[in-house]
Amino acid sequence: MSSENEFLLQRLISSEIKTDLLTLFHRNPGLVDTIKGIALRIGRSDAEVAGDVKDFLELGLLTKSTIGKTKVEVIQLNRWRDREIQASLERYVSGLKR
């Protein structure tokens, strides 16, 4: 299990953009925005953000949905999965202290 958690931790913080995304969504857990909007909020380009958002979508940390008649894709934090990941990492880090 520790190797899974090490992989998860590495995947969560493997880039500066990912740490910016985590900070953004943890400070604004109800945020629903487009890739372009998220990129603007963290001072990055759409292209820079898209790959890391995709990785977080694959982890289930973020979710994507389509809204409106124009079918705009928006991203938001999956709070349930976020809590699950945090709890798993907390157990892992606590085990390292022993």
PDB file of N, CA and C in Angstrom:
ATOM      1  N   MET A   1       0.819  -1.196   0.000  1.00  0.00           N
ATOM      2  CA  MET A   1       0.000   0.000   0.000  1.00  0.00           C
ATOM      3  C   MET A   1       0.857   1.252   0.000  1.00  0.00           C
ATOM      4  N   SER A   2       2.018   1.203   0.617  1.00  0.00           N
ATOM      5  CA  SER A   2       2.839   2.406   0.671  1.00  0.00           C
ATOM      6  C   SER A   2       3.321   2.821  -0.714  1.00  0.00           C
ATOM      7  N   SER A   3       3.593   1.853  -1.590  1.00  0.00           N
ATOM      8  CA  SER A   3       4.022   2.229  -2.933  1.00  0.00           C
ATOM      9  C   SER A   3       2.894   2.914  -3.703  1.00  0.00           C
ATOM     10  N   GLU A   4       1.643   2.489  -3.459  1.00  0.00           N
ATOM     11  CA  GLU A   4       0.496   3.166  -4.076  1.00  0.00           C
ATOM     12  C   GLU A   4       0.411   4.610  -3.599  1.00  0.00           C
ATOM     13  N   ASN A   5       0.605   4.805  -2.300  1.00  0.00           N
ATOM     14  CA  ASN A   5       0.535   6.151  -1.744  1.00  0.00           C
ATOM     15  C   ASN A   5       1.713   7.010  -2.196  1.00  0.00           C
ATOM     16  N   GLU A   6       2.876   6.417  -2.320  1.00  0.00           N
ATOM     17  CA  GLU A   6       4.021   7.161  -2.839  1.00  0.00           C
ATOM     18  C   GLU A   6       3.758   7.604  -4.272  1.00  0.00           C
ATOM     19  N   PHE A   7       3.192   6.710  -5.072  1.00  0.00           N
ATOM     20  CA  PHE A   7       2.846   7.034  -6.448  1.00  0.00           C
ATOM     21  C   PHE A   7       1.801   8.143  -6.491  1.00  0.00           C
ATOM     22  N   LEU A   8       0.784   8.046  -5.636  1.00  0.00           N
ATOM     23  CA  LEU A   8      -0.269   9.043  -5.575  1.00  0.00           C
ATOM     24  C   LEU A   8       0.295  10.399  -5.163  1.00  0.00           C
ATOM     25  N   LEU A   9       1.112  10.414  -4.139  1.00  0.00           N
ATOM     26  CA  LEU A   9       1.714  11.659  -3.679  1.00  0.00           C
ATOM     27  C   LEU A   9       2.566  12.290  -4.773  1.00  0.00           C
ATOM     28  N   GLN A  10       3.358  11.480  -5.434  1.00  0.00           N
ATOM     29  CA  GLN A  10       4.186  11.986  -6.531  1.00  0.00           C
ATOM     30  C   GLN A  10       3.320  12.546  -7.653  1.00  0.00           C
ATOM     31  N   ARG A  11       2.262  11.868  -7.950  1.00  0.00           N
ATOM     32  CA  ARG A  11       1.372  12.302  -9.029  1.00  0.00           C
ATOM     33  C   ARG A  11       0.666  13.616  -8.678  1.00  0.00           C
ATOM     34  N   LEU A  12       0.380  13.813  -7.401  1.00  0.00           N
ATOM     35  CA  LEU A  12      -0.305  15.027  -6.967  1.00  0.00           C
ATOM     36  C   LEU A  12       0.587  16.264  -7.009  1.00  0.00           C
ATOM     37  N   ILE A  13       1.877  16.076  -6.781  1.00  0.00           N
ATOM     38  CA  ILE A  13       2.755  17.243  -6.667  1.00  0.00           C
ATOM     39  C   ILE A  13       3.917  17.197  -7.651  1.00  0.00           C
ATOM     40  N   SER A  14       3.713  16.533  -8.767  1.00  0.00           N
ATOM     41  CA  SER A  14       4.803  16.357  -9.729  1.00  0.00           C
ATOM     42  C   SER A  14       5.104  17.593 -10.562  1.00  0.00           C
ATOM     43  N   SER A  15       4.300  18.640 -10.424  1.00  0.00           N
ATOM     44  CA  SER A  15       4.604  19.874 -11.148  1.00  0.00           C
ATOM     45  C   SER A  15       4.133  21.068 -10.327  1.00  0.00           C
ATOM     46  N   GLU A  16       4.702  22.201 -10.628  1.00  0.00           N
ATOM     47  CA  GLU A  16       4.303  23.435  -9.958  1.00  0.00           C
ATOM     48  C   GLU A  16       2.848  23.766 -10.273  1.00  0.00           C
ATOM     49  N   ILE A  17       2.433  23.467 -11.484  1.00  0.00           N
ATOM     50  CA  ILE A  17       1.044  23.731 -11.868  1.00  0.00           C
ATOM     51  C   ILE A  17       0.090  22.891 -11.032  1.00  0.00           C
ATOM     52  N   LYS A  18       0.445  21.641 -10.781  1.00  0.00           N
ATOM     53  CA  LYS A  18      -0.425  20.792  -9.962  1.00  0.00           C
ATOM     54  C   LYS A  18      -0.555  21.348  -8.550  1.00  0.00           C
ATOM     55  N   THR A  19       0.530  21.844  -7.991  1.00  0.00           N
ATOM     56  CA  THR A  19       0.417  22.439  -6.655  1.00  0.00           C
ATOM     57  C   THR A  19      -0.442  23.700  -6.707  1.00  0.00           C
ATOM     58  N   ASP A  20      -0.332  24.473  -7.792  1.00  0.00           N
ATOM     59  CA  ASP A  20      -1.191  25.644  -7.963  1.00  0.00           C
ATOM     60  C   ASP A  20      -2.659  25.228  -8.071  1.00  0.00           C
ATOM     61  N   LEU A  21      -2.931  24.153  -8.801  1.00  0.00           N
ATOM     62  CA  LEU A  21      -4.303  23.657  -8.941  1.00  0.00           C
ATOM     63  C   LEU A  21      -4.858  23.187  -7.599  1.00  0.00           C
ATOM     64  N   LEU A  22      -4.059  22.430  -6.861  1.00  0.00           N
ATOM     65  CA  LEU A  22      -4.499  21.958  -5.550  1.00  0.00           C
ATOM     66  C   LEU A  22      -4.810  23.134  -4.631  1.00  0.00           C
ATOM     67  N   THR A  23      -3.935  24.124  -4.628  1.00  0.00           N
ATOM     68  CA  THR A  23      -4.142  25.310  -3.799  1.00  0.00           C
ATOM     69  C   THR A  23      -5.420  26.032  -4.208  1.00  0.00           C
ATOM     70  N   LEU A  24      -5.601  26.234  -5.511  1.00  0.00           N
ATOM     71  CA  LEU A  24      -6.788  26.922  -6.015  1.00  0.00           C
ATOM     72  C   LEU A  24      -8.068  26.222  -5.583  1.00  0.00           C
ATOM     73  N   PHE A  25      -8.138  24.920  -5.802  1.00  0.00           N
ATOM     74  CA  PHE A  25      -9.377  24.201  -5.501  1.00  0.00           C
ATOM     75  C   PHE A  25      -9.594  24.003  -4.003  1.00  0.00           C
ATOM     76  N   HIS A  26      -8.523  23.918  -3.220  1.00  0.00           N
ATOM     77  CA  HIS A  26      -8.711  23.805  -1.778  1.00  0.00           C
ATOM     78  C   HIS A  26      -9.127  25.138  -1.166  1.00  0.00           C
ATOM     79  N   ARG A  27      -8.663  26.223  -1.730  1.00  0.00           N
ATOM     80  CA  ARG A  27      -9.088  27.548  -1.239  1.00  0.00           C
ATOM     81  C   ARG A  27     -10.481  27.910  -1.734  1.00  0.00           C
ATOM     82  N   ASN A  28     -10.907  27.300  -2.815  1.00  0.00           N
ATOM     83  CA  ASN A  28     -12.205  27.581  -3.441  1.00  0.00           C
ATOM     84  C   ASN A  28     -12.900  26.270  -3.789  1.00  0.00           C
ATOM     85  N   PRO A  29     -13.304  25.485  -2.785  1.00  0.00           N
ATOM     86  CA  PRO A  29     -13.817  24.142  -3.063  1.00  0.00           C
ATOM     87  C   PRO A  29     -15.086  24.104  -3.911  1.00  0.00           C
ATOM     88  N   GLY A  30     -15.822  25.194  -3.984  1.00  0.00           N
ATOM     89  CA  GLY A  30     -17.025  25.228  -4.801  1.00  0.00           C
ATOM     90  C   GLY A  30     -16.799  25.772  -6.203  1.00  0.00           C
ATOM     91  N   LEU A  31     -15.551  26.016  -6.550  1.00  0.00           N
ATOM     92  CA  LEU A  31     -15.211  26.594  -7.847  1.00  0.00           C
ATOM     93  C   LEU A  31     -15.610  25.678  -8.996  1.00  0.00           C
ATOM     94  N   VAL A  32     -16.287  26.250  -9.970  1.00  0.00           N
ATOM     95  CA  VAL A  32     -16.640  25.557 -11.211  1.00  0.00           C
ATOM     96  C   VAL A  32     -16.195  26.497 -12.323  1.00  0.00           C
ATOM     97  N   ASP A  33     -15.247  26.054 -13.156  1.00  0.00           N
ATOM     98  CA  ASP A  33     -14.700  26.941 -14.175  1.00  0.00           C
ATOM     99  C   ASP A  33     -14.182  26.123 -15.358  1.00  0.00           C
ATOM    100  N   THR A  34     -13.947  26.825 -16.439  1.00  0.00           N
ATOM    101  CA  THR A  34     -13.380  26.210 -17.640  1.00  0.00           C
ATOM    102  C   THR A  34     -11.865  26.099 -17.480  1.00  0.00           C
ATOM    103  N   ILE A  35     -11.239  25.338 -18.350  1.00  0.00           N
ATOM    104  CA  ILE A  35      -9.779  25.252 -18.355  1.00  0.00           C
ATOM    105  C   ILE A  35      -9.193  26.651 -18.520  1.00  0.00           C
ATOM    106  N   LYS A  36      -9.763  27.422 -19.433  1.00  0.00           N
ATOM    107  CA  LYS A  36      -9.264  28.774 -19.671  1.00  0.00           C
ATOM    108  C   LYS A  36      -9.382  29.628 -18.410  1.00  0.00           C
ATOM    109  N   GLY A  37     -10.513  29.543 -17.737  1.00  0.00           N
ATOM    110  CA  GLY A  37     -10.712  30.304 -16.509  1.00  0.00           C
ATOM    111  C   GLY A  37      -9.764  29.889 -15.405  1.00  0.00           C
ATOM    112  N   ILE A  38      -9.550  28.593 -15.267  1.00  0.00           N
ATOM    113  CA  ILE A  38      -8.620  28.078 -14.261  1.00  0.00           C
ATOM    114  C   ILE A  38      -7.208  28.562 -14.562  1.00  0.00           C
ATOM    115  N   ALA A  39      -6.832  28.486 -15.823  1.00  0.00           N
ATOM    116  CA  ALA A  39      -5.505  28.938 -16.229  1.00  0.00           C
ATOM    117  C   ALA A  39      -5.304  30.414 -15.892  1.00  0.00           C
ATOM    118  N   LEU A  40      -6.302  31.226 -16.173  1.00  0.00           N
ATOM    119  CA  LEU A  40      -6.218  32.657 -15.845  1.00  0.00           C
ATOM    120  C   LEU A  40      -6.068  32.869 -14.344  1.00  0.00           C
ATOM    121  N   ARG A  41      -6.807  32.099 -13.561  1.00  0.00           N
ATOM    122  CA  ARG A  41      -6.763  32.248 -12.098  1.00  0.00           C
ATOM    123  C   ARG A  41      -5.375  31.957 -11.528  1.00  0.00           C
ATOM    124  N   ILE A  42      -4.639  31.018 -12.154  1.00  0.00           N
ATOM    125  CA  ILE A  42      -3.318  30.669 -11.614  1.00  0.00           C
ATOM    126  C   ILE A  42      -2.179  31.261 -12.444  1.00  0.00           C
ATOM    127  N   GLY A  43      -2.527  32.113 -13.401  1.00  0.00           N
ATOM    128  CA  GLY A  43      -1.504  32.809 -14.174  1.00  0.00           C
ATOM    129  C   GLY A  43      -0.743  31.935 -15.141  1.00  0.00           C
ATOM    130  N   ARG A  44      -1.439  31.007 -15.752  1.00  0.00           N
ATOM    131  CA  ARG A  44      -0.825  30.078 -16.722  1.00  0.00           C
ATOM    132  C   ARG A  44      -1.612  30.103 -18.023  1.00  0.00           C
ATOM    133  N   SER A  45      -1.065  29.452 -19.029  1.00  0.00           N
ATOM    134  CA  SER A  45      -1.788  29.324 -20.295  1.00  0.00           C
ATOM    135  C   SER A  45      -2.669  28.080 -20.251  1.00  0.00           C
ATOM    136  N   ASP A  46      -3.678  28.070 -21.127  1.00  0.00           N
ATOM    137  CA  ASP A  46      -4.568  26.902 -21.226  1.00  0.00           C
ATOM    138  C   ASP A  46      -3.767  25.631 -21.488  1.00  0.00           C
ATOM    139  N   ALA A  47      -2.827  25.737 -22.401  1.00  0.00           N
ATOM    140  CA  ALA A  47      -2.032  24.569 -22.795  1.00  0.00           C
ATOM    141  C   ALA A  47      -1.211  24.033 -21.627  1.00  0.00           C
ATOM    142  N   GLU A  48      -0.676  24.930 -20.803  1.00  0.00           N
ATOM    143  CA  GLU A  48       0.114  24.490 -19.650  1.00  0.00           C
ATOM    144  C   GLU A  48      -0.753  23.744 -18.637  1.00  0.00           C
ATOM    145  N   VAL A  49      -1.963  24.196 -18.463  1.00  0.00           N
ATOM    146  CA  VAL A  49      -2.852  23.661 -17.432  1.00  0.00           C
ATOM    147  C   VAL A  49      -3.554  22.377 -17.873  1.00  0.00           C
ATOM    148  N   ALA A  50      -3.842  22.261 -19.146  1.00  0.00           N
ATOM    149  CA  ALA A  50      -4.672  21.156 -19.649  1.00  0.00           C
ATOM    150  C   ALA A  50      -4.149  19.776 -19.282  1.00  0.00           C
ATOM    151  N   GLY A  51      -2.870  19.533 -19.419  1.00  0.00           N
ATOM    152  CA  GLY A  51      -2.310  18.217 -19.126  1.00  0.00           C
ATOM    153  C   GLY A  51      -2.432  17.835 -17.661  1.00  0.00           C
ATOM    154  N   ASP A  52      -2.180  18.799 -16.767  1.00  0.00           N
ATOM    155  CA  ASP A  52      -2.273  18.505 -15.341  1.00  0.00           C
ATOM    156  C   ASP A  52      -3.726  18.355 -14.895  1.00  0.00           C
ATOM    157  N   VAL A  53      -4.620  19.122 -15.497  1.00  0.00           N
ATOM    158  CA  VAL A  53      -6.045  18.946 -15.212  1.00  0.00           C
ATOM    159  C   VAL A  53      -6.476  17.548 -15.663  1.00  0.00           C
ATOM    160  N   LYS A  54      -6.009  17.131 -16.824  1.00  0.00           N
ATOM    161  CA  LYS A  54      -6.340  15.786 -17.324  1.00  0.00           C
ATOM    162  C   LYS A  54      -5.872  14.711 -16.349  1.00  0.00           C
ATOM    163  N   ASP A  55      -4.670  14.877 -15.808  1.00  0.00           N
ATOM    164  CA  ASP A  55      -4.146  13.914 -14.841  1.00  0.00           C
ATOM    165  C   ASP A  55      -5.036  13.874 -13.597  1.00  0.00           C
ATOM    166  N   PHE A  56      -5.469  15.035 -13.117  1.00  0.00           N
ATOM    167  CA  PHE A  56      -6.343  15.075 -11.946  1.00  0.00           C
ATOM    168  C   PHE A  56      -7.731  14.516 -12.260  1.00  0.00           C
ATOM    169  N   LEU A  57      -8.179  14.672 -13.495  1.00  0.00           N
ATOM    170  CA  LEU A  57      -9.442  14.049 -13.903  1.00  0.00           C
ATOM    171  C   LEU A  57      -9.309  12.530 -13.863  1.00  0.00           C
ATOM    172  N   GLU A  58      -8.176  12.009 -14.334  1.00  0.00           N
ATOM    173  CA  GLU A  58      -7.945  10.559 -14.307  1.00  0.00           C
ATOM    174  C   GLU A  58      -7.880  10.024 -12.885  1.00  0.00           C
ATOM    175  N   LEU A  59      -7.344  10.818 -11.956  1.00  0.00           N
ATOM    176  CA  LEU A  59      -7.299  10.421 -10.548  1.00  0.00           C
ATOM    177  C   LEU A  59      -8.675  10.518  -9.883  1.00  0.00           C
ATOM    178  N   GLY A  60      -9.586  11.210 -10.534  1.00  0.00           N
ATOM    179  CA  GLY A  60     -10.904  11.420  -9.960  1.00  0.00           C
ATOM    180  C   GLY A  60     -10.951  12.604  -9.009  1.00  0.00           C
ATOM    181  N   LEU A  61      -9.846  13.313  -8.870  1.00  0.00           N
ATOM    182  CA  LEU A  61      -9.774  14.462  -7.980  1.00  0.00           C
ATOM    183  C   LEU A  61     -10.604  15.629  -8.519  1.00  0.00           C
ATOM    184  N   LEU A  62     -10.612  15.776  -9.826  1.00  0.00           N
ATOM    185  CA  LEU A  62     -11.445  16.774 -10.486  1.00  0.00           C
ATOM    186  C   LEU A  62     -12.470  16.051 -11.352  1.00  0.00           C
ATOM    187  N   THR A  63     -13.594  16.706 -11.581  1.00  0.00           N
ATOM    188  CA  THR A  63     -14.597  16.155 -12.480  1.00  0.00           C
ATOM    189  C   THR A  63     -14.891  17.179 -13.567  1.00  0.00           C
ATOM    190  N   LYS A  64     -15.362  16.684 -14.694  1.00  0.00           N
ATOM    191  CA  LYS A  64     -15.688  17.535 -15.826  1.00  0.00           C
ATOM    192  C   LYS A  64     -17.151  17.329 -16.159  1.00  0.00           C
ATOM    193  N   SER A  65     -17.832  18.427 -16.431  1.00  0.00           N
ATOM    194  CA  SER A  65     -19.220  18.334 -16.871  1.00  0.00           C
ATOM    195  C   SER A  65     -19.473  19.379 -17.951  1.00  0.00           C
ATOM    196  N   THR A  66     -20.561  19.200 -18.646  1.00  0.00           N
ATOM    197  CA  THR A  66     -20.939  20.091 -19.729  1.00  0.00           C
ATOM    198  C   THR A  66     -22.177  20.860 -19.306  1.00  0.00           C
ATOM    199  N   ILE A  67     -22.150  22.184 -19.512  1.00  0.00           N
ATOM    200  CA  ILE A  67     -23.298  22.998 -19.120  1.00  0.00           C
ATOM    201  C   ILE A  67     -23.749  23.884 -20.282  1.00  0.00           C
ATOM    202  N   GLY A  68     -24.985  24.258 -20.239  1.00  0.00           N
ATOM    203  CA  GLY A  68     -25.527  25.213 -21.200  1.00  0.00           C
ATOM    204  C   GLY A  68     -25.774  24.652 -22.580  1.00  0.00           C
ATOM    205  N   LYS A  69     -26.451  25.472 -23.365  1.00  0.00           N
ATOM    206  CA  LYS A  69     -26.770  25.102 -24.739  1.00  0.00           C
ATOM    207  C   LYS A  69     -25.520  25.012 -25.608  1.00  0.00           C
ATOM    208  N   THR A  70     -24.499  25.783 -25.239  1.00  0.00           N
ATOM    209  CA  THR A  70     -23.260  25.765 -26.022  1.00  0.00           C
ATOM    210  C   THR A  70     -22.337  24.624 -25.604  1.00  0.00           C
ATOM    211  N   LYS A  71     -22.783  23.871 -24.613  1.00  0.00           N
ATOM    212  CA  LYS A  71     -22.041  22.693 -24.130  1.00  0.00           C
ATOM    213  C   LYS A  71     -20.620  23.036 -23.687  1.00  0.00           C
ATOM    214  N   VAL A  72     -20.512  24.034 -22.836  1.00  0.00           N
ATOM    215  CA  VAL A  72     -19.234  24.456 -22.272  1.00  0.00           C
ATOM    216  C   VAL A  72     -18.779  23.417 -21.251  1.00  0.00           C
ATOM    217  N   GLU A  73     -17.538  22.969 -21.373  1.00  0.00           N
ATOM    218  CA  GLU A  73     -16.987  22.014 -20.403  1.00  0.00           C
ATOM    219  C   GLU A  73     -16.399  22.773 -19.222  1.00  0.00           C
ATOM    220  N   VAL A  74     -16.822  22.374 -18.025  1.00  0.00           N
ATOM    221  CA  VAL A  74     -16.316  22.990 -16.805  1.00  0.00           C
ATOM    222  C   VAL A  74     -15.706  21.924 -15.904  1.00  0.00           C
ATOM    223  N   ILE A  75     -14.808  22.392 -15.060  1.00  0.00           N
ATOM    224  CA  ILE A  75     -14.064  21.519 -14.150  1.00  0.00           C
ATOM    225  C   ILE A  75     -14.413  21.923 -12.726  1.00  0.00           C
ATOM    226  N   GLN A  76     -14.501  20.918 -11.844  1.00  0.00           N
ATOM    227  CA  GLN A  76     -14.709  21.206 -10.426  1.00  0.00           C
ATOM    228  C   GLN A  76     -14.054  20.128  -9.583  1.00  0.00           C
ATOM    229  N   LEU A  77     -13.854  20.456  -8.319  1.00  0.00           N
ATOM    230  CA  LEU A  77     -13.251  19.532  -7.369  1.00  0.00           C
ATOM    231  C   LEU A  77     -14.255  18.449  -7.001  1.00  0.00           C
ATOM    232  N   ASN A  78     -13.790  17.200  -6.997  1.00  0.00           N
ATOM    233  CA  ASN A  78     -14.601  16.086  -6.504  1.00  0.00           C
ATOM    234  C   ASN A  78     -14.293  15.979  -5.014  1.00  0.00           C
ATOM    235  N   ARG A  79     -15.116  16.600  -4.201  1.00  0.00           N
ATOM    236  CA  ARG A  79     -14.834  16.695  -2.762  1.00  0.00           C
ATOM    237  C   ARG A  79     -14.731  15.337  -2.097  1.00  0.00           C
ATOM    238  N   TRP A  80     -15.561  14.393  -2.511  1.00  0.00           N
ATOM    239  CA  TRP A  80     -15.514  13.050  -1.920  1.00  0.00           C
ATOM    240  C   TRP A  80     -14.164  12.398  -2.200  1.00  0.00           C
ATOM    241  N   ARG A  81     -13.725  12.437  -3.449  1.00  0.00           N
ATOM    242  CA  ARG A  81     -12.436  11.835  -3.811  1.00  0.00           C
ATOM    243  C   ARG A  81     -11.281  12.584  -3.156  1.00  0.00           C
ATOM    244  N   ASP A  82     -11.399  13.896  -3.036  1.00  0.00           N
ATOM    245  CA  ASP A  82     -10.365  14.688  -2.379  1.00  0.00           C
ATOM    246  C   ASP A  82     -10.207  14.244  -0.923  1.00  0.00           C
ATOM    247  N   ARG A  83     -11.318  14.084  -0.228  1.00  0.00           N
ATOM    248  CA  ARG A  83     -11.252  13.623   1.172  1.00  0.00           C
ATOM    249  C   ARG A  83     -10.657  12.225   1.259  1.00  0.00           C
ATOM    250  N   GLU A  84     -11.029  11.374   0.327  1.00  0.00           N
ATOM    251  CA  GLU A  84     -10.508  10.005   0.296  1.00  0.00           C
ATOM    252  C   GLU A  84      -8.983  10.012   0.107  1.00  0.00           C
ATOM    253  N   ILE A  85      -8.502  10.811  -0.825  1.00  0.00           N
ATOM    254  CA  ILE A  85      -7.063  10.912  -1.085  1.00  0.00           C
ATOM    255  C   ILE A  85      -6.343  11.481   0.126  1.00  0.00           C
ATOM    256  N   GLN A  86      -6.894  12.529   0.714  1.00  0.00           N
ATOM    257  CA  GLN A  86      -6.264  13.132   1.883  1.00  0.00           C
ATOM    258  C   GLN A  86      -6.174  12.150   3.043  1.00  0.00           C
ATOM    259  N   ALA A  87      -7.232  11.397   3.271  1.00  0.00           N
ATOM    260  CA  ALA A  87      -7.234  10.411   4.359  1.00  0.00           C
ATOM    261  C   ALA A  87      -6.195   9.324   4.105  1.00  0.00           C
ATOM    262  N   SER A  88      -6.098   8.868   2.879  1.00  0.00           N
ATOM    263  CA  SER A  88      -5.130   7.836   2.530  1.00  0.00           C
ATOM    264  C   SER A  88      -3.704   8.337   2.738  1.00  0.00           C
ATOM    265  N   LEU A  89      -3.443   9.549   2.303  1.00  0.00           N
ATOM    266  CA  LEU A  89      -2.098  10.112   2.464  1.00  0.00           C
ATOM    267  C   LEU A  89      -1.783  10.411   3.925  1.00  0.00           C
ATOM    268  N   GLU A  90      -2.792  10.809   4.682  1.00  0.00           N
ATOM    269  CA  GLU A  90      -2.582  11.050   6.110  1.00  0.00           C
ATOM    270  C   GLU A  90      -2.184   9.755   6.820  1.00  0.00           C
ATOM    271  N   ARG A  91      -2.874   8.666   6.495  1.00  0.00           N
ATOM    272  CA  ARG A  91      -2.515   7.365   7.095  1.00  0.00           C
ATOM    273  C   ARG A  91      -1.101   6.967   6.703  1.00  0.00           C
ATOM    274  N   TYR A  92      -0.761   7.199   5.438  1.00  0.00           N
ATOM    275  CA  TYR A  92       0.569   6.860   4.941  1.00  0.00           C
ATOM    276  C   TYR A  92       1.646   7.658   5.663  1.00  0.00           C
ATOM    277  N   VAL A  93       1.462   8.961   5.785  1.00  0.00           N
ATOM    278  CA  VAL A  93       2.452   9.817   6.444  1.00  0.00           C
ATOM    279  C   VAL A  93       2.555   9.468   7.929  1.00  0.00           C
ATOM    280  N   SER A  94       1.439   9.170   8.565  1.00  0.00           N
ATOM    281  CA  SER A  94       1.466   8.760   9.978  1.00  0.00           C
ATOM    282  C   SER A  94       2.264   7.485  10.157  1.00  0.00           C
ATOM    283  N   GLY A  95       2.140   6.566   9.221  1.00  0.00           N
ATOM    284  CA  GLY A  95       2.904   5.309   9.263  1.00  0.00           C
ATOM    285  C   GLY A  95       4.390   5.540   9.090  1.00  0.00           C
ATOM    286  N   LEU A  96       4.779   6.563   8.371  1.00  0.00           N
ATOM    287  CA  LEU A  96       6.200   6.874   8.175  1.00  0.00           C
ATOM    288  C   LEU A  96       6.828   7.407   9.439  1.00  0.00           C
ATOM    289  N   LYS A  97       6.040   8.062  10.280  1.00  0.00           N
ATOM    290  CA  LYS A  97       6.543   8.663  11.516  1.00  0.00           C
ATOM    291  C   LYS A  97       6.885   7.619  12.566  1.00  0.00           C
ATOM    292  N   ARG A  98       6.330   6.439  12.435  1.00  0.00           N
ATOM    293  CA  ARG A  98       6.525   5.385  13.454  1.00  0.00           C
ATOM    294  C   ARG A  98       7.826   4.692  13.300  1.00  0.00           C
TER     295      ARG A  98
END
